[in-house]
Amino acid sequence: MKHFSTTILFLLILSVSVTAQTRVGFMNPQTVLDHLPEKEAIERQLNRFLDQREAEFQEKAMEYQNALATLQQEAQNLSDSERRRRQQDMQRKEQELQQFQFRVEQELEQRQAELLGPVLQEMNNIIEELALELNLDYVLNEATAEGEMFLLFVAAESREELDLTDKVIARMLN
């Protein structure tokens, strides 16, 4: 699906360039983020949040493991109805543990969006300004979210002008 959408994008760009001179810039947002002083503060906040939640998860996981071990030790001495009740209780505790982990992942994503949102908005504003200043029709991300290179070739004589990464970094640091 990714390759299909990439192919469609390139076909679109090619069809537009046949009728008019299309100017395409590119940049690497991850490189920009790596150069920002805010990145360290954001990472510290996210790591602190994660450490707190990890400690809570470990505590809950330990409680679950202890209860499971107790159930396994006592299972032979329990009546069938009591064993079933306690097994259902263990299933409920396991589901709660999974739900807790899911909530933490959601909270982390939300926290990350809250912290990175203003930085990304500023980056987008600067990209738009540069695109208008340089009369660019498109600005592409140099790499995919997985880190694979999206741009396979950029002519050396055009690279400095069309690569907006350093220009965005410079404006964000001002």
Protein backbone atom coordinates (compact mmCIF):
# COMPACT_ATOMS: atom_id res chain seq x y z
CA MET A 1 0.00 0.00 0.00
CA LYS A 2 2.88 2.38 0.85
CA HIS A 3 4.55 1.66 -2.46
CA PHE A 4 1.27 2.18 -4.30
CA SER A 5 0.73 5.62 -2.71
CA THR A 6 4.37 6.54 -3.38
CA THR A 7 3.94 5.54 -7.02
CA ILE A 8 0.75 7.60 -7.29
CA LEU A 9 2.54 10.62 -5.76
CA PHE A 10 5.39 10.38 -8.24
CA LEU A 11 2.98 9.94 -11.16
CA LEU A 12 1.12 13.03 -9.98
CA ILE A 13 4.34 15.02 -9.75
CA LEU A 14 5.44 13.79 -13.17
CA SER A 15 2.11 14.68 -14.76
CA VAL A 16 2.21 18.17 -13.25
CA SER A 17 5.82 18.67 -14.34
CA VAL A 18 4.93 17.85 -17.93
CA THR A 19 2.59 20.82 -18.09
CA ALA A 20 4.61 23.20 -15.93
CA GLN A 21 7.97 23.44 -14.22
CA THR A 22 7.35 21.91 -10.79
CA ARG A 23 9.70 22.75 -7.96
CA VAL A 24 9.99 20.20 -5.20
CA GLY A 25 11.87 20.72 -1.96
CA PHE A 26 12.58 18.15 0.70
CA MET A 27 13.65 17.92 4.31
CA ASN A 28 14.21 15.52 7.16
CA PRO A 29 12.00 16.43 10.15
CA GLN A 30 13.81 13.97 12.44
CA THR A 31 17.12 15.74 11.80
CA VAL A 32 15.45 19.04 12.66
CA LEU A 33 14.07 17.62 15.91
CA ASP A 34 17.47 16.15 16.79
CA HIS A 35 19.02 19.63 16.63
CA LEU A 36 16.49 21.38 18.85
CA PRO A 37 17.33 22.06 22.50
CA GLU A 38 13.69 21.34 23.41
CA LYS A 39 14.18 17.72 22.37
CA GLU A 40 16.16 16.85 25.49
CA ALA A 41 13.59 18.43 27.81
CA ILE A 42 10.76 16.64 26.02
CA GLU A 43 12.61 13.32 26.20
CA ARG A 44 13.28 13.83 29.93
CA GLN A 45 9.60 14.51 30.59
CA LEU A 46 8.51 11.49 28.57
CA ASN A 47 11.10 9.25 30.25
CA ARG A 48 10.01 10.44 33.70
CA PHE A 49 6.40 9.68 32.81
CA LEU A 50 7.39 6.27 31.45
CA ASP A 51 9.48 5.45 34.53
CA GLN A 52 6.53 6.22 36.81
CA ARG A 53 4.15 4.13 34.75
CA GLU A 54 6.70 1.32 34.43
CA ALA A 55 6.97 1.16 38.23
CA GLU A 56 3.17 0.96 38.51
CA PHE A 57 3.04 -1.74 35.85
CA GLN A 58 5.77 -3.78 37.55
CA GLU A 59 3.90 -3.59 40.84
CA LYS A 60 0.67 -4.75 39.22
CA ALA A 61 2.49 -7.48 37.29
CA MET A 62 4.16 -8.72 40.48
CA GLU A 63 0.79 -8.86 42.26
CA TYR A 64 -0.62 -10.84 39.35
CA GLN A 65 2.34 -13.26 39.31
CA ASN A 66 2.10 -13.81 43.07
CA ALA A 67 -1.64 -14.46 42.88
CA LEU A 68 -1.10 -16.87 39.99
CA ALA A 69 1.61 -18.74 41.88
CA THR A 70 -0.63 -18.98 44.94
CA LEU A 71 -3.49 -20.30 42.82
CA GLN A 72 -1.24 -22.93 41.25
CA GLN A 73 -0.03 -24.07 44.67
CA GLU A 74 -3.51 -24.25 46.15
CA ALA A 75 -5.38 -25.52 43.06
CA GLN A 76 -5.39 -29.18 44.10
CA ASN A 77 -6.88 -28.37 47.52
CA LEU A 78 -9.72 -26.22 46.14
CA SER A 79 -13.17 -27.31 45.19
CA ASP A 80 -14.04 -27.14 41.49
CA SER A 81 -16.27 -24.12 42.00
CA GLU A 82 -13.63 -22.27 44.05
CA ARG A 83 -10.92 -23.09 41.49
CA ARG A 84 -13.12 -21.80 38.65
CA ARG A 85 -13.92 -18.64 40.62
CA ARG A 86 -10.26 -17.95 41.29
CA GLN A 87 -9.29 -18.72 37.67
CA GLN A 88 -11.92 -16.23 36.52
CA ASP A 89 -10.50 -13.75 38.99
CA MET A 90 -7.04 -14.32 37.52
CA GLN A 91 -8.38 -13.78 34.00
CA ARG A 92 -9.95 -10.53 35.15
CA LYS A 93 -6.64 -9.43 36.72
CA GLU A 94 -4.77 -10.32 33.53
CA GLN A 95 -7.23 -8.26 31.48
CA GLU A 96 -6.81 -5.34 33.90
CA LEU A 97 -3.05 -5.59 33.48
CA GLN A 98 -3.39 -5.53 29.69
CA GLN A 99 -5.82 -2.60 29.88
CA PHE A 100 -3.39 -0.72 32.12
CA GLN A 101 -0.60 -1.27 29.60
CA PHE A 102 -2.86 -0.09 26.76
CA ARG A 103 -3.85 3.05 28.73
CA VAL A 104 -0.21 3.85 29.42
CA GLU A 105 0.60 3.56 25.71
CA GLN A 106 -2.29 5.90 24.90
CA GLU A 107 -1.26 8.36 27.61
CA LEU A 108 2.32 8.31 26.31
CA GLU A 109 1.14 9.08 22.78
CA GLN A 110 -1.06 11.88 24.10
CA ARG A 111 1.73 13.29 26.23
CA GLN A 112 4.13 13.11 23.29
CA ALA A 113 1.61 14.91 21.07
CA GLU A 114 1.12 17.62 23.71
CA LEU A 115 4.85 18.18 24.10
CA LEU A 116 5.79 17.92 20.43
CA GLY A 117 2.68 19.62 19.04
CA PRO A 118 3.91 23.21 19.37
CA VAL A 119 7.35 22.29 18.01
CA LEU A 120 5.84 20.49 15.03
CA GLN A 121 3.45 23.37 14.38
CA GLU A 122 6.37 25.80 14.37
CA MET A 123 8.27 23.49 12.02
CA ASN A 124 5.29 23.31 9.66
CA ASN A 125 4.94 27.11 9.67
CA ILE A 126 8.62 27.52 8.82
CA ILE A 127 8.39 24.90 6.05
CA GLU A 128 5.45 26.78 4.58
CA GLU A 129 7.33 30.10 4.76
CA LEU A 130 10.38 28.59 3.07
CA ALA A 131 8.28 26.92 0.39
CA LEU A 132 6.69 30.27 -0.45
CA GLU A 133 10.02 32.11 -0.38
CA LEU A 134 11.69 29.53 -2.63
CA ASN A 135 8.63 29.21 -4.87
CA LEU A 136 8.32 25.46 -4.20
CA ASP A 137 5.24 23.55 -5.27
CA TYR A 138 5.86 20.60 -2.92
CA VAL A 139 8.00 19.82 0.10
CA LEU A 140 8.57 16.11 0.65
CA ASN A 141 9.76 14.26 3.70
CA GLU A 142 13.19 12.82 2.91
CA ALA A 143 12.47 9.58 4.78
CA THR A 144 9.44 7.50 5.73
CA ALA A 145 8.27 7.11 9.32
CA GLU A 146 10.23 3.84 9.42
CA GLY A 147 13.42 5.67 8.46
CA GLU A 148 13.59 4.37 4.89
CA MET A 149 14.78 6.93 2.38
CA PHE A 150 11.90 8.34 0.36
CA LEU A 151 14.02 10.34 -2.06
CA LEU A 152 16.23 8.16 -4.15
CA PHE A 153 18.02 10.87 -6.11
CA VAL A 154 18.52 14.61 -5.93
CA ALA A 155 20.86 16.30 -8.37
CA ALA A 156 23.94 17.63 -6.57
CA GLU A 157 23.52 21.12 -8.01
CA SER A 158 19.94 21.27 -6.65
CA ARG A 159 20.51 19.62 -3.26
CA GLU A 160 21.64 22.73 -1.38
CA GLU A 161 18.77 24.83 -2.68
CA LEU A 162 16.04 22.19 -2.33
CA ASP A 163 17.05 20.59 0.98
CA LEU A 164 15.23 22.68 3.58
CA THR A 165 16.48 20.75 6.63
CA ASP A 166 19.32 23.13 7.61
CA LYS A 167 17.21 26.18 6.78
CA VAL A 168 14.40 24.97 9.04
CA ILE A 169 16.89 24.21 11.86
CA ALA A 170 18.40 27.70 11.57
CA ARG A 171 15.00 29.41 11.77
CA MET A 172 13.81 27.26 14.64
CA LEU A 173 16.92 28.04 16.65
CA ASN A 174 16.42 31.81 16.19
